[in-house]
Each structure stands twice: as C-alpha cells, then as structure tokens.
N, C-alpha and C. Protein backbone atom coordinates (compact mmCIF):
# COMPACT_ATOMS: atom_id res chain seq x y z
N MET A 1 -34.72 -24.46 34.59
CA MET A 1 -33.99 -23.62 33.70
C MET A 1 -32.88 -24.37 32.87
N ALA A 2 -32.85 -24.17 31.63
CA ALA A 2 -31.80 -24.97 30.77
C ALA A 2 -30.32 -24.59 31.10
N LYS A 3 -29.39 -25.52 31.04
CA LYS A 3 -28.07 -25.17 31.51
C LYS A 3 -27.52 -24.62 30.18
N ILE A 4 -26.82 -23.43 30.25
CA ILE A 4 -26.16 -22.81 29.35
C ILE A 4 -24.93 -23.31 28.91
N ASP A 5 -24.77 -23.74 27.69
CA ASP A 5 -23.41 -24.30 27.08
C ASP A 5 -22.62 -23.27 26.79
N LEU A 6 -21.58 -22.64 27.51
CA LEU A 6 -20.87 -21.55 27.17
C LEU A 6 -19.90 -21.82 25.93
N ALA A 7 -19.41 -23.01 25.97
CA ALA A 7 -18.50 -23.38 24.96
C ALA A 7 -19.14 -23.43 23.54
N ARG A 8 -20.39 -24.03 23.62
CA ARG A 8 -21.15 -24.14 22.37
C ARG A 8 -21.59 -22.66 21.90
N ARG A 9 -21.84 -21.85 22.86
CA ARG A 9 -22.25 -20.43 22.55
C ARG A 9 -21.01 -19.69 21.77
N ALA A 10 -19.86 -20.01 22.47
CA ALA A 10 -18.56 -19.25 21.97
C ALA A 10 -18.35 -19.91 20.55
N GLU A 11 -18.45 -21.03 20.21
CA GLU A 11 -18.32 -21.86 19.08
C GLU A 11 -19.21 -21.10 18.03
N ILE A 12 -20.50 -20.92 18.32
CA ILE A 12 -21.44 -20.30 17.31
C ILE A 12 -21.07 -18.94 17.16
N GLY A 13 -20.55 -18.16 18.02
CA GLY A 13 -20.17 -16.90 17.81
C GLY A 13 -18.89 -16.78 16.89
N ARG A 14 -18.01 -17.71 17.00
CA ARG A 14 -16.92 -17.82 16.07
C ARG A 14 -17.34 -18.07 14.65
N GLU A 15 -18.32 -19.14 14.59
CA GLU A 15 -18.76 -19.39 13.28
C GLU A 15 -19.41 -18.29 12.52
N ARG A 16 -20.17 -17.59 13.30
CA ARG A 16 -20.92 -16.33 12.72
C ARG A 16 -19.91 -15.32 12.32
N ARG A 17 -18.93 -15.12 13.11
CA ARG A 17 -18.05 -14.09 12.80
C ARG A 17 -17.24 -14.42 11.36
N ALA A 18 -16.98 -15.77 11.46
CA ALA A 18 -16.16 -16.34 10.12
C ALA A 18 -17.03 -16.12 8.95
N ARG A 19 -18.34 -16.42 9.04
CA ARG A 19 -19.27 -16.33 8.03
C ARG A 19 -19.31 -14.79 7.44
N THR A 20 -19.43 -13.86 8.50
CA THR A 20 -19.46 -12.40 8.13
C THR A 20 -18.15 -11.95 7.46
N ARG A 21 -17.06 -12.43 8.04
CA ARG A 21 -15.72 -11.95 7.37
C ARG A 21 -15.65 -12.59 5.96
N ALA A 22 -16.13 -13.88 5.70
CA ALA A 22 -16.18 -14.40 4.46
C ALA A 22 -16.99 -13.53 3.49
N GLN A 23 -18.15 -13.19 3.99
CA GLN A 23 -19.20 -12.34 3.25
C GLN A 23 -18.51 -11.09 2.83
N ILE A 24 -17.71 -10.36 3.65
CA ILE A 24 -17.13 -9.17 3.39
C ILE A 24 -15.99 -9.36 2.41
N LEU A 25 -15.27 -10.44 2.53
CA LEU A 25 -14.24 -10.64 1.46
C LEU A 25 -14.71 -11.11 0.26
N GLU A 26 -15.80 -11.77 0.16
CA GLU A 26 -16.49 -12.05 -1.04
C GLU A 26 -16.82 -10.71 -1.83
N ALA A 27 -17.50 -9.82 -1.08
CA ALA A 27 -17.91 -8.52 -1.69
C ALA A 27 -16.74 -7.73 -2.06
N GLY A 28 -15.64 -7.76 -1.36
CA GLY A 28 -14.42 -7.10 -1.63
C GLY A 28 -13.85 -7.64 -2.82
N ALA A 29 -13.78 -8.92 -2.95
CA ALA A 29 -13.10 -9.51 -4.16
C ALA A 29 -13.84 -9.06 -5.37
N SER A 30 -15.27 -9.07 -5.34
CA SER A 30 -16.03 -8.70 -6.46
C SER A 30 -15.77 -7.24 -6.85
N LEU A 31 -15.76 -6.43 -5.99
CA LEU A 31 -15.50 -5.15 -6.16
C LEU A 31 -14.05 -4.69 -6.67
N LEU A 32 -13.08 -5.47 -6.17
CA LEU A 32 -11.65 -5.10 -6.47
C LEU A 32 -11.39 -5.71 -7.73
N ALA A 33 -12.25 -6.68 -8.27
CA ALA A 33 -12.06 -7.21 -9.61
C ALA A 33 -12.41 -6.15 -10.79
N GLU A 34 -13.05 -5.08 -10.28
CA GLU A 34 -13.47 -3.97 -11.16
C GLU A 34 -12.70 -2.67 -11.09
N LYS A 35 -12.15 -2.55 -9.85
CA LYS A 35 -11.38 -1.39 -9.62
C LYS A 35 -10.28 -1.53 -8.50
N PRO A 36 -9.20 -0.66 -8.56
CA PRO A 36 -8.08 -0.89 -7.49
C PRO A 36 -8.55 -0.52 -6.17
N PRO A 37 -7.89 -0.72 -4.97
CA PRO A 37 -8.29 -0.48 -3.84
C PRO A 37 -8.58 1.12 -3.55
N GLU A 38 -7.80 1.95 -4.13
CA GLU A 38 -7.92 3.43 -4.06
C GLU A 38 -9.25 3.90 -4.70
N GLY A 39 -9.88 3.00 -5.59
CA GLY A 39 -11.16 3.38 -6.07
C GLY A 39 -12.28 2.79 -5.39
N LEU A 40 -12.05 2.08 -4.35
CA LEU A 40 -13.12 1.50 -3.48
C LEU A 40 -13.42 2.19 -2.24
N THR A 41 -14.58 2.34 -1.88
CA THR A 41 -15.04 3.05 -0.67
C THR A 41 -15.65 2.19 0.37
N ILE A 42 -15.57 2.56 1.72
CA ILE A 42 -16.19 1.67 2.60
C ILE A 42 -17.71 1.65 2.44
N ASP A 43 -18.31 2.83 2.02
CA ASP A 43 -19.81 2.71 1.96
C ASP A 43 -19.99 1.86 0.78
N ALA A 44 -19.41 1.75 -0.50
CA ALA A 44 -19.78 0.82 -1.51
C ALA A 44 -19.64 -0.58 -1.10
N LEU A 45 -18.52 -0.83 -0.25
CA LEU A 45 -18.05 -2.23 0.21
C LEU A 45 -19.37 -2.65 1.16
N VAL A 46 -19.58 -1.84 2.20
CA VAL A 46 -20.53 -2.36 3.12
C VAL A 46 -22.05 -2.54 2.46
N GLU A 47 -22.22 -1.78 1.48
CA GLU A 47 -23.53 -1.95 0.82
C GLU A 47 -23.49 -3.19 -0.01
N ALA A 48 -22.32 -3.57 -0.59
CA ALA A 48 -22.32 -4.84 -1.34
C ALA A 48 -22.34 -6.03 -0.57
N ALA A 49 -21.89 -5.90 0.64
CA ALA A 49 -21.64 -7.02 1.58
C ALA A 49 -22.97 -7.21 2.54
N GLY A 50 -23.70 -6.06 2.49
CA GLY A 50 -24.82 -6.28 3.20
C GLY A 50 -24.59 -6.18 4.90
N VAL A 51 -23.63 -5.31 5.20
CA VAL A 51 -23.22 -5.28 6.64
C VAL A 51 -23.08 -3.81 7.05
N ALA A 52 -23.09 -3.57 8.34
CA ALA A 52 -22.93 -2.19 8.80
C ALA A 52 -21.52 -1.84 8.78
N LYS A 53 -21.21 -0.48 8.81
CA LYS A 53 -19.79 -0.05 8.84
C LYS A 53 -19.04 -0.61 10.08
N GLY A 54 -19.79 -0.63 11.19
CA GLY A 54 -19.15 -1.06 12.35
C GLY A 54 -18.74 -2.55 12.21
N THR A 55 -19.53 -3.40 11.57
CA THR A 55 -19.13 -4.63 11.26
C THR A 55 -17.86 -4.93 10.33
N PHE A 56 -17.80 -3.95 9.45
CA PHE A 56 -16.61 -4.04 8.64
C PHE A 56 -15.44 -3.67 9.40
N TYR A 57 -15.47 -2.69 10.17
CA TYR A 57 -14.35 -2.25 11.03
C TYR A 57 -13.94 -3.28 12.21
N TYR A 58 -14.80 -4.13 12.38
CA TYR A 58 -14.62 -5.17 13.39
C TYR A 58 -13.61 -6.14 12.86
N HIS A 59 -13.76 -6.43 11.43
CA HIS A 59 -12.95 -7.36 10.72
C HIS A 59 -11.68 -6.91 10.13
N PHE A 60 -11.82 -5.61 9.63
CA PHE A 60 -10.84 -4.90 8.83
C PHE A 60 -10.70 -3.44 9.47
N GLN A 61 -9.38 -2.98 9.49
CA GLN A 61 -9.18 -1.60 9.68
C GLN A 61 -9.26 -0.57 8.64
N SER A 62 -9.11 -1.12 7.46
CA SER A 62 -9.10 -0.34 6.22
C SER A 62 -9.28 -1.08 5.00
N ILE A 63 -9.64 -0.30 3.85
CA ILE A 63 -9.66 -1.02 2.61
C ILE A 63 -8.41 -1.81 2.18
N ASP A 64 -7.25 -1.01 2.54
CA ASP A 64 -5.90 -1.75 2.14
C ASP A 64 -5.78 -3.08 2.90
N GLU A 65 -6.29 -3.02 4.13
CA GLU A 65 -6.05 -4.48 4.90
C GLU A 65 -6.97 -5.42 4.25
N LEU A 66 -8.25 -4.91 3.88
CA LEU A 66 -9.04 -5.89 3.10
C LEU A 66 -8.50 -6.37 1.75
N ALA A 67 -7.89 -5.43 0.94
CA ALA A 67 -7.34 -5.86 -0.20
C ALA A 67 -6.17 -6.79 0.05
N ALA A 68 -5.42 -6.66 1.13
CA ALA A 68 -4.37 -7.54 1.43
C ALA A 68 -4.97 -8.99 1.70
N ALA A 69 -6.08 -9.01 2.31
CA ALA A 69 -6.76 -10.37 2.75
C ALA A 69 -7.23 -10.92 1.47
N VAL A 70 -7.85 -10.13 0.61
CA VAL A 70 -8.32 -10.70 -0.69
C VAL A 70 -7.20 -11.23 -1.45
N GLY A 71 -6.05 -10.51 -1.65
CA GLY A 71 -4.93 -10.95 -2.30
C GLY A 71 -4.27 -12.24 -1.61
N ALA A 72 -4.39 -12.34 -0.41
CA ALA A 72 -3.98 -13.62 0.32
C ALA A 72 -4.77 -14.79 -0.05
N ARG A 73 -5.96 -14.44 -0.13
CA ARG A 73 -7.07 -15.55 -0.46
C ARG A 73 -6.88 -16.02 -1.97
N LEU A 74 -6.51 -14.98 -2.74
CA LEU A 74 -6.41 -15.28 -4.19
C LEU A 74 -5.09 -16.15 -4.35
N GLY A 75 -4.09 -15.88 -3.62
CA GLY A 75 -2.86 -16.59 -3.65
C GLY A 75 -3.13 -18.03 -3.20
N GLU A 76 -3.86 -18.21 -2.13
CA GLU A 76 -4.31 -19.54 -1.71
C GLU A 76 -5.01 -20.30 -2.65
N SER A 77 -5.90 -19.68 -3.56
CA SER A 77 -6.72 -20.33 -4.54
C SER A 77 -5.71 -20.76 -5.57
N PHE A 78 -4.71 -19.97 -5.97
CA PHE A 78 -3.71 -20.45 -6.97
C PHE A 78 -2.81 -21.55 -6.45
N ASP A 79 -2.42 -21.56 -5.19
CA ASP A 79 -1.71 -22.70 -4.60
C ASP A 79 -2.48 -23.84 -4.73
N GLU A 80 -3.79 -23.80 -4.39
CA GLU A 80 -4.60 -25.08 -4.32
C GLU A 80 -4.72 -25.48 -5.72
N LEU A 81 -4.69 -24.68 -6.86
CA LEU A 81 -4.76 -25.07 -8.23
C LEU A 81 -3.58 -25.91 -8.60
N LEU A 82 -2.38 -25.40 -8.02
CA LEU A 82 -1.12 -25.91 -8.53
C LEU A 82 -0.62 -27.19 -7.59
N THR A 83 -1.04 -27.21 -6.40
CA THR A 83 -0.63 -28.07 -5.40
C THR A 83 -1.42 -29.30 -5.36
N PRO A 84 -0.91 -30.62 -5.36
CA PRO A 84 0.45 -30.90 -5.16
C PRO A 84 1.12 -31.27 -6.55
N SER A 85 0.38 -31.00 -7.68
CA SER A 85 0.93 -31.38 -8.98
C SER A 85 2.29 -30.68 -9.22
N ARG A 86 2.31 -29.37 -8.96
CA ARG A 86 3.39 -28.61 -9.24
C ARG A 86 4.64 -29.10 -8.45
N ILE A 87 4.59 -29.37 -7.20
CA ILE A 87 5.70 -29.85 -6.31
C ILE A 87 6.17 -31.12 -6.71
N GLU A 88 5.54 -31.94 -7.46
CA GLU A 88 6.03 -33.32 -8.00
C GLU A 88 6.93 -33.15 -9.12
N LEU A 89 6.92 -32.00 -9.73
CA LEU A 89 7.80 -31.77 -10.91
C LEU A 89 9.22 -31.41 -10.32
N LYS A 90 10.10 -32.00 -10.76
CA LYS A 90 11.54 -31.81 -10.22
C LYS A 90 12.28 -30.72 -11.01
N ASP A 91 11.89 -30.57 -12.26
CA ASP A 91 12.51 -29.64 -13.24
C ASP A 91 12.09 -28.37 -13.13
N PRO A 92 12.95 -27.28 -12.79
CA PRO A 92 12.30 -25.80 -12.53
C PRO A 92 11.61 -25.34 -13.79
N ILE A 93 12.07 -25.76 -15.00
CA ILE A 93 11.41 -25.12 -16.22
C ILE A 93 10.06 -25.75 -16.41
N ASP A 94 9.98 -27.04 -16.02
CA ASP A 94 8.75 -27.75 -16.23
C ASP A 94 7.76 -27.12 -15.08
N ARG A 95 8.29 -26.88 -13.82
CA ARG A 95 7.41 -26.20 -12.88
C ARG A 95 6.98 -24.95 -13.29
N LEU A 96 7.85 -23.98 -13.89
CA LEU A 96 7.42 -22.70 -14.39
C LEU A 96 6.26 -22.88 -15.50
N SER A 97 6.71 -23.67 -16.34
CA SER A 97 5.72 -23.99 -17.54
C SER A 97 4.31 -24.42 -17.11
N PHE A 98 4.29 -25.44 -16.17
CA PHE A 98 3.13 -25.96 -15.65
C PHE A 98 2.26 -24.96 -14.90
N GLY A 99 2.91 -24.11 -14.08
CA GLY A 99 2.09 -23.00 -13.33
C GLY A 99 1.65 -21.96 -14.37
N PHE A 100 2.47 -21.68 -15.30
CA PHE A 100 2.00 -20.55 -16.35
C PHE A 100 0.91 -21.19 -17.11
N ALA A 101 0.83 -22.42 -17.49
CA ALA A 101 -0.31 -23.02 -18.29
C ALA A 101 -1.48 -23.05 -17.51
N GLN A 102 -1.38 -23.50 -16.11
CA GLN A 102 -2.63 -23.65 -15.34
C GLN A 102 -3.20 -22.25 -15.01
N PHE A 103 -2.36 -21.29 -14.94
CA PHE A 103 -2.90 -19.84 -14.67
C PHE A 103 -3.83 -19.51 -15.84
N LEU A 104 -3.34 -19.82 -17.11
CA LEU A 104 -4.03 -19.31 -18.22
C LEU A 104 -5.25 -20.01 -18.42
N GLU A 105 -5.16 -21.48 -18.00
CA GLU A 105 -6.26 -22.21 -18.10
C GLU A 105 -7.49 -21.68 -17.10
N LYS A 106 -7.07 -21.35 -15.93
CA LYS A 106 -7.93 -20.79 -14.97
C LYS A 106 -8.55 -19.48 -15.32
N ALA A 107 -7.64 -18.61 -15.91
CA ALA A 107 -8.06 -17.41 -16.32
C ALA A 107 -9.20 -17.42 -17.39
N SER A 108 -9.06 -18.58 -18.27
CA SER A 108 -9.93 -18.73 -19.46
C SER A 108 -11.20 -19.18 -19.00
N SER A 109 -11.27 -19.98 -17.90
CA SER A 109 -12.59 -20.56 -17.34
C SER A 109 -13.17 -19.87 -16.25
N ASP A 110 -12.56 -18.83 -15.77
CA ASP A 110 -13.05 -18.05 -14.60
C ASP A 110 -12.68 -16.53 -14.79
N THR A 111 -13.48 -15.84 -15.67
CA THR A 111 -13.09 -14.39 -15.97
C THR A 111 -13.14 -13.56 -14.59
N GLY A 112 -14.03 -13.87 -13.67
CA GLY A 112 -14.07 -13.16 -12.59
C GLY A 112 -12.69 -13.13 -11.78
N TRP A 113 -12.15 -14.41 -11.69
CA TRP A 113 -10.96 -14.68 -10.99
C TRP A 113 -9.88 -13.94 -11.79
N ALA A 114 -9.87 -14.03 -13.16
CA ALA A 114 -8.84 -13.31 -14.02
C ALA A 114 -8.81 -11.83 -13.67
N ARG A 115 -10.07 -11.15 -13.67
CA ARG A 115 -9.98 -9.78 -13.47
C ARG A 115 -9.50 -9.39 -12.15
N LEU A 116 -9.79 -10.20 -11.18
CA LEU A 116 -9.34 -9.99 -9.83
C LEU A 116 -7.69 -9.97 -9.80
N VAL A 117 -7.22 -11.11 -10.51
CA VAL A 117 -5.83 -11.20 -10.65
C VAL A 117 -5.06 -10.06 -11.34
N VAL A 118 -5.65 -9.42 -12.37
CA VAL A 118 -5.19 -8.41 -13.16
C VAL A 118 -5.13 -7.12 -12.13
N GLN A 119 -6.17 -6.91 -11.53
CA GLN A 119 -6.31 -5.85 -10.58
C GLN A 119 -5.19 -5.91 -9.32
N SER A 120 -5.17 -7.22 -8.88
CA SER A 120 -4.34 -7.50 -7.67
C SER A 120 -2.85 -7.35 -8.05
N ALA A 121 -2.56 -7.66 -9.29
CA ALA A 121 -1.10 -7.52 -9.76
C ALA A 121 -0.69 -6.16 -9.82
N GLN A 122 -1.56 -5.13 -9.84
CA GLN A 122 -1.18 -3.68 -9.90
C GLN A 122 -0.89 -3.06 -8.61
N SER A 123 -1.03 -3.97 -7.56
CA SER A 123 -0.62 -3.35 -6.27
C SER A 123 0.14 -4.54 -5.45
N PRO A 124 0.92 -4.10 -4.43
CA PRO A 124 1.69 -5.21 -3.73
C PRO A 124 0.89 -6.09 -2.92
N THR A 125 0.09 -7.02 -3.36
CA THR A 125 -0.71 -7.83 -2.57
C THR A 125 0.20 -9.04 -2.23
N GLU A 126 -0.37 -9.93 -1.27
CA GLU A 126 0.24 -11.15 -1.04
C GLU A 126 0.25 -12.15 -2.38
N PHE A 127 -0.83 -11.98 -3.05
CA PHE A 127 -0.77 -12.76 -4.33
C PHE A 127 0.34 -12.51 -5.25
N GLY A 128 0.49 -11.24 -5.42
CA GLY A 128 1.68 -10.79 -6.36
C GLY A 128 3.06 -11.32 -5.77
N ARG A 129 3.21 -11.09 -4.47
CA ARG A 129 4.44 -11.34 -3.88
C ARG A 129 4.68 -12.88 -3.95
N GLY A 130 3.65 -13.62 -3.78
CA GLY A 130 3.87 -15.12 -3.75
C GLY A 130 4.23 -15.64 -5.04
N VAL A 131 3.36 -15.22 -6.06
CA VAL A 131 3.68 -15.67 -7.44
C VAL A 131 5.10 -15.28 -7.80
N ARG A 132 5.57 -14.14 -7.55
CA ARG A 132 6.75 -13.57 -7.81
C ARG A 132 7.90 -14.48 -7.10
N ALA A 133 7.72 -14.84 -5.97
CA ALA A 133 8.62 -15.57 -5.19
C ALA A 133 8.90 -17.10 -5.78
N ASN A 134 7.75 -17.64 -6.17
CA ASN A 134 7.85 -18.90 -6.84
C ASN A 134 8.50 -18.88 -8.15
N LEU A 135 8.26 -17.95 -9.00
CA LEU A 135 8.90 -17.66 -10.19
C LEU A 135 10.37 -17.44 -10.15
N LYS A 136 10.74 -16.67 -9.10
CA LYS A 136 12.19 -16.36 -8.87
C LYS A 136 12.96 -17.51 -8.46
N ALA A 137 12.42 -18.41 -7.60
CA ALA A 137 13.07 -19.67 -7.31
C ALA A 137 13.19 -20.60 -8.46
N ASP A 138 12.21 -20.76 -9.20
CA ASP A 138 12.32 -21.56 -10.45
C ASP A 138 13.34 -21.08 -11.51
N ILE A 139 13.23 -19.80 -11.66
CA ILE A 139 14.28 -19.23 -12.60
C ILE A 139 15.65 -19.27 -12.18
N ALA A 140 15.86 -18.99 -10.87
CA ALA A 140 17.26 -19.03 -10.33
C ALA A 140 17.75 -20.45 -10.56
N GLU A 141 16.87 -21.34 -10.22
CA GLU A 141 17.43 -22.79 -10.32
C GLU A 141 17.85 -23.15 -11.78
N ALA A 142 16.86 -22.70 -12.66
CA ALA A 142 17.24 -22.96 -14.07
C ALA A 142 18.49 -22.30 -14.57
N LEU A 143 18.71 -21.18 -14.06
CA LEU A 143 20.00 -20.35 -14.29
C LEU A 143 21.23 -21.13 -13.88
N VAL A 144 21.14 -21.62 -12.67
CA VAL A 144 22.33 -22.32 -11.99
C VAL A 144 22.52 -23.71 -12.82
N GLN A 145 21.56 -24.28 -13.39
CA GLN A 145 21.60 -25.31 -14.32
C GLN A 145 22.16 -25.11 -15.64
N GLY A 146 22.34 -23.85 -15.95
CA GLY A 146 22.84 -23.39 -17.24
C GLY A 146 21.87 -23.59 -18.36
N ARG A 147 20.59 -23.48 -18.11
CA ARG A 147 19.55 -23.70 -19.10
C ARG A 147 18.74 -22.50 -19.49
N MET A 148 19.38 -21.23 -19.19
CA MET A 148 18.75 -19.98 -19.52
C MET A 148 19.73 -19.04 -20.03
N SER A 149 19.46 -18.42 -21.09
CA SER A 149 20.48 -17.52 -21.68
C SER A 149 20.44 -16.18 -21.01
N LEU A 150 19.26 -15.78 -20.35
CA LEU A 150 19.04 -14.40 -19.85
C LEU A 150 19.73 -14.46 -18.45
N GLN A 151 20.50 -13.78 -18.00
CA GLN A 151 21.25 -13.83 -16.75
C GLN A 151 20.77 -13.11 -15.59
N ASP A 152 19.77 -12.28 -15.81
CA ASP A 152 19.16 -11.36 -14.79
C ASP A 152 17.82 -12.02 -14.28
N VAL A 153 17.98 -12.47 -13.15
CA VAL A 153 16.82 -13.21 -12.63
C VAL A 153 15.55 -12.29 -12.26
N GLU A 154 15.72 -11.15 -11.75
CA GLU A 154 14.60 -10.23 -11.53
C GLU A 154 14.10 -9.68 -12.88
N LEU A 155 14.99 -9.49 -13.97
CA LEU A 155 14.44 -9.22 -15.27
C LEU A 155 13.58 -10.33 -15.72
N ALA A 156 14.06 -11.58 -15.64
CA ALA A 156 13.30 -12.72 -16.09
C ALA A 156 11.95 -12.78 -15.47
N VAL A 157 11.88 -12.56 -14.20
CA VAL A 157 10.55 -12.47 -13.40
C VAL A 157 9.65 -11.54 -13.96
N ASP A 158 10.17 -10.34 -14.25
CA ASP A 158 9.34 -9.31 -14.81
C ASP A 158 8.83 -9.61 -16.12
N ILE A 159 9.60 -10.41 -16.91
CA ILE A 159 9.18 -10.70 -18.30
C ILE A 159 8.00 -11.72 -18.14
N VAL A 160 8.27 -12.78 -17.31
CA VAL A 160 7.17 -13.78 -17.28
C VAL A 160 5.79 -13.15 -16.81
N MET A 161 5.92 -12.36 -15.74
CA MET A 161 4.76 -11.77 -15.10
C MET A 161 4.07 -10.76 -16.23
N GLY A 162 4.96 -10.06 -16.84
CA GLY A 162 4.50 -9.16 -17.80
C GLY A 162 3.64 -9.76 -18.89
N ILE A 163 4.23 -10.93 -19.50
CA ILE A 163 3.55 -11.70 -20.44
C ILE A 163 2.21 -12.31 -20.00
N TRP A 164 2.33 -12.87 -18.75
CA TRP A 164 1.03 -13.61 -18.37
C TRP A 164 -0.06 -12.58 -18.13
N LEU A 165 0.33 -11.44 -17.58
CA LEU A 165 -0.71 -10.51 -17.24
C LEU A 165 -1.27 -9.99 -18.65
N GLN A 166 -0.35 -9.61 -19.72
CA GLN A 166 -0.95 -9.20 -20.87
C GLN A 166 -1.67 -10.22 -21.65
N VAL A 167 -1.31 -11.52 -21.47
CA VAL A 167 -2.25 -12.61 -22.13
C VAL A 167 -3.53 -12.71 -21.45
N THR A 168 -3.59 -12.55 -20.09
CA THR A 168 -4.80 -12.59 -19.28
C THR A 168 -5.73 -11.40 -19.75
N ARG A 169 -5.24 -10.28 -20.00
CA ARG A 169 -6.02 -9.12 -20.41
C ARG A 169 -6.45 -9.32 -21.67
N GLY A 170 -5.85 -10.04 -22.60
CA GLY A 170 -6.32 -10.41 -23.86
C GLY A 170 -7.35 -11.44 -23.79
N ILE A 171 -7.22 -12.34 -22.83
CA ILE A 171 -8.38 -13.30 -22.68
C ILE A 171 -9.64 -12.56 -22.22
N LEU A 172 -9.56 -11.65 -21.35
CA LEU A 172 -10.77 -10.87 -20.88
C LEU A 172 -11.35 -10.04 -22.02
N GLU A 173 -10.44 -9.43 -22.85
CA GLU A 173 -11.05 -8.55 -23.85
C GLU A 173 -11.63 -9.30 -25.07
N ARG A 174 -10.77 -10.39 -25.54
CA ARG A 174 -11.02 -11.12 -26.74
C ARG A 174 -11.56 -12.58 -26.56
N GLY A 175 -11.34 -13.10 -25.43
CA GLY A 175 -11.66 -14.47 -25.16
C GLY A 175 -10.49 -15.40 -25.49
N THR A 176 -10.64 -16.65 -25.23
CA THR A 176 -9.57 -17.74 -25.38
C THR A 176 -9.67 -18.23 -26.72
N ARG A 177 -8.72 -18.95 -27.22
CA ARG A 177 -8.71 -19.66 -28.47
C ARG A 177 -7.82 -20.86 -28.40
N PRO A 178 -7.98 -21.90 -29.35
CA PRO A 178 -7.30 -23.01 -29.28
C PRO A 178 -5.74 -22.69 -29.45
N GLU A 179 -4.88 -23.52 -28.69
CA GLU A 179 -3.41 -23.22 -28.80
C GLU A 179 -2.91 -22.02 -28.09
N LEU A 180 -3.77 -21.28 -27.58
CA LEU A 180 -3.34 -20.10 -26.80
C LEU A 180 -2.29 -20.43 -25.67
N THR A 181 -2.71 -21.24 -24.80
CA THR A 181 -1.78 -21.67 -23.75
C THR A 181 -0.51 -22.12 -24.17
N ARG A 182 -0.51 -23.12 -24.98
CA ARG A 182 0.66 -23.61 -25.54
C ARG A 182 1.68 -22.57 -25.99
N GLN A 183 1.09 -21.81 -27.06
CA GLN A 183 1.78 -20.60 -27.64
C GLN A 183 2.44 -19.62 -26.64
N ALA A 184 1.67 -19.38 -25.61
CA ALA A 184 2.17 -18.34 -24.72
C ALA A 184 3.21 -18.93 -23.87
N VAL A 185 3.12 -20.17 -23.47
CA VAL A 185 4.27 -20.87 -22.71
C VAL A 185 5.42 -20.93 -23.60
N GLU A 186 5.34 -21.28 -24.76
CA GLU A 186 6.60 -21.38 -25.59
C GLU A 186 7.14 -19.94 -25.88
N ALA A 187 6.27 -18.97 -25.99
CA ALA A 187 6.76 -17.46 -26.13
C ALA A 187 7.60 -17.10 -24.80
N VAL A 188 7.10 -17.48 -23.51
CA VAL A 188 7.85 -17.22 -22.37
C VAL A 188 9.22 -17.96 -22.33
N LEU A 189 9.32 -19.16 -22.65
CA LEU A 189 10.46 -19.86 -22.74
C LEU A 189 11.50 -19.26 -23.79
N ARG A 190 10.98 -18.88 -24.84
CA ARG A 190 11.89 -18.25 -26.01
C ARG A 190 12.47 -16.86 -25.32
N ALA A 191 11.52 -16.09 -24.69
CA ALA A 191 11.99 -14.85 -24.17
C ALA A 191 13.10 -14.96 -23.22
N LEU A 192 13.10 -16.10 -22.35
CA LEU A 192 14.07 -16.26 -21.43
C LEU A 192 15.21 -17.08 -21.89
N GLY A 193 15.16 -17.64 -23.16
CA GLY A 193 16.13 -18.38 -23.53
C GLY A 193 16.34 -19.76 -22.91
N MET A 194 15.17 -20.25 -22.44
CA MET A 194 15.12 -21.69 -21.64
C MET A 194 15.02 -22.71 -22.66
N THR A 195 15.51 -23.89 -22.04
CA THR A 195 15.39 -25.19 -22.80
C THR A 195 14.89 -26.24 -22.01
N ARG A 196 13.99 -27.02 -22.41
CA ARG A 196 13.38 -28.21 -21.66
C ARG A 196 12.99 -29.33 -22.71
N ALA A 197 12.80 -30.46 -22.08
CA ALA A 197 12.61 -31.68 -22.99
C ALA A 197 11.13 -31.97 -23.08
N THR A 198 10.30 -31.65 -21.96
CA THR A 198 9.02 -31.98 -21.92
C THR A 198 7.90 -30.91 -21.80
N SER A 199 6.75 -31.19 -22.05
CA SER A 199 5.68 -30.20 -21.97
C SER A 199 4.66 -30.48 -20.98
N TYR A 200 4.27 -29.50 -20.28
CA TYR A 200 3.24 -29.58 -19.19
C TYR A 200 2.05 -28.65 -19.44
N CYS A 201 1.90 -28.22 -20.68
CA CYS A 201 0.78 -27.42 -21.03
C CYS A 201 -0.45 -28.28 -20.75
N ALA A 202 -1.58 -27.73 -20.40
CA ALA A 202 -2.82 -28.21 -20.24
C ALA A 202 -3.38 -28.75 -21.58
N GLU A 203 -4.21 -29.71 -21.66
CA GLU A 203 -4.85 -30.10 -22.85
C GLU A 203 -5.78 -29.04 -23.31
N GLU A 204 -5.85 -28.73 -24.59
CA GLU A 204 -6.76 -27.59 -25.02
C GLU A 204 -7.69 -28.29 -26.07
C-alpha cells in the first residue's frame, strides 16, 4: 500500500482552493466592471464563475466582501504598475504627475481595467482608499514646500480624483487620442496651482 503524503495532499488542497478563489475573483471583477456591487447577485456570480453557491460562501461571506477583495486586487495591480518607478521620484509633484499619467495610459490600453476602476471608485473599496492616501501624501508634501496655491488638501484630492475619473470615462466612451495624457496632467496641475520643472508623462 502506497504511503500517503499528508503534507503534499494538504498542499494540493491549498493550491486548489487558491485557484477557485482566483476564479471567483476573476468572475467578480468582470461583473463589477459593468455594474456596482448592489446590482450583482450571488446567482449571477456563481454562474459566471462556474462554481456552486457553497463554494462561493466558503471563500466570501457576501458580495460586499467579494467587492472589497476585487478592489484590493485592483489596488495591487496599480501599485505594480507604478512601483518601483514612482518611489524613485523624490519630487511630490512629479510623483503625482507620473501616477496620473500611468493611470491614464493603463486605462487607454485596458478598457476592462478602466471600467472596473470607474465602478470601484463609486464605492469605498481598498483601491479608492489606497489611491486617495497616496494622492493626499503627495499633495500635502507639495503644499508644505509652498508649490501649490490651493490650500485645502482634501479638496485638492477630490479635484484630482474627479478629473482622472472623468477623463477615464471619456476614454471608455470616445477612445483615447494623441496628447490626451499630457493635456490631462497639465490640467490637473493648473487646477491645483502646482509648479514643477520636469515632466513624467508617458510617451504618446
């Protein structure tokens, strides 16, 4: 009788559960790109994921918990897009400009990702909180340096997020065009009264 490798069996079980969770997250991301969490049902989700309801509830207790996990993964994808390039930039306005430009470039090249971002931004997901925290830190540093005429940090964050969300919606509706990223970054800096010496917009 063959010896049972309990450690290997446990490892296989963990790998299988991880794949199933990723499968559910992928289906959730696809559906959440088209509608907010309150418009999504468990039935629609398990059908899209190809799993049973019991399997869904093994990994997530609710649609809201799934949406939070999707938002966290979305935030990780954005961090991967920016890191380590962003953290190498010492200037807060350059960091803000670089992140804004990279975001729009990603939205232009991956409309599914862009739709998910727009939907996620309308609810308090980990993605929205993470983006806001980074923006707030960069804007606060620029304000301390005396390089921004707008004195309200929270208002400044709202303006930046409002512009990039609206520009992203425009990309989804009308597509991108030459110079869009550069012009959008310049519009943000003007709106905040920011000054900088260099440009980190992506090549277009």
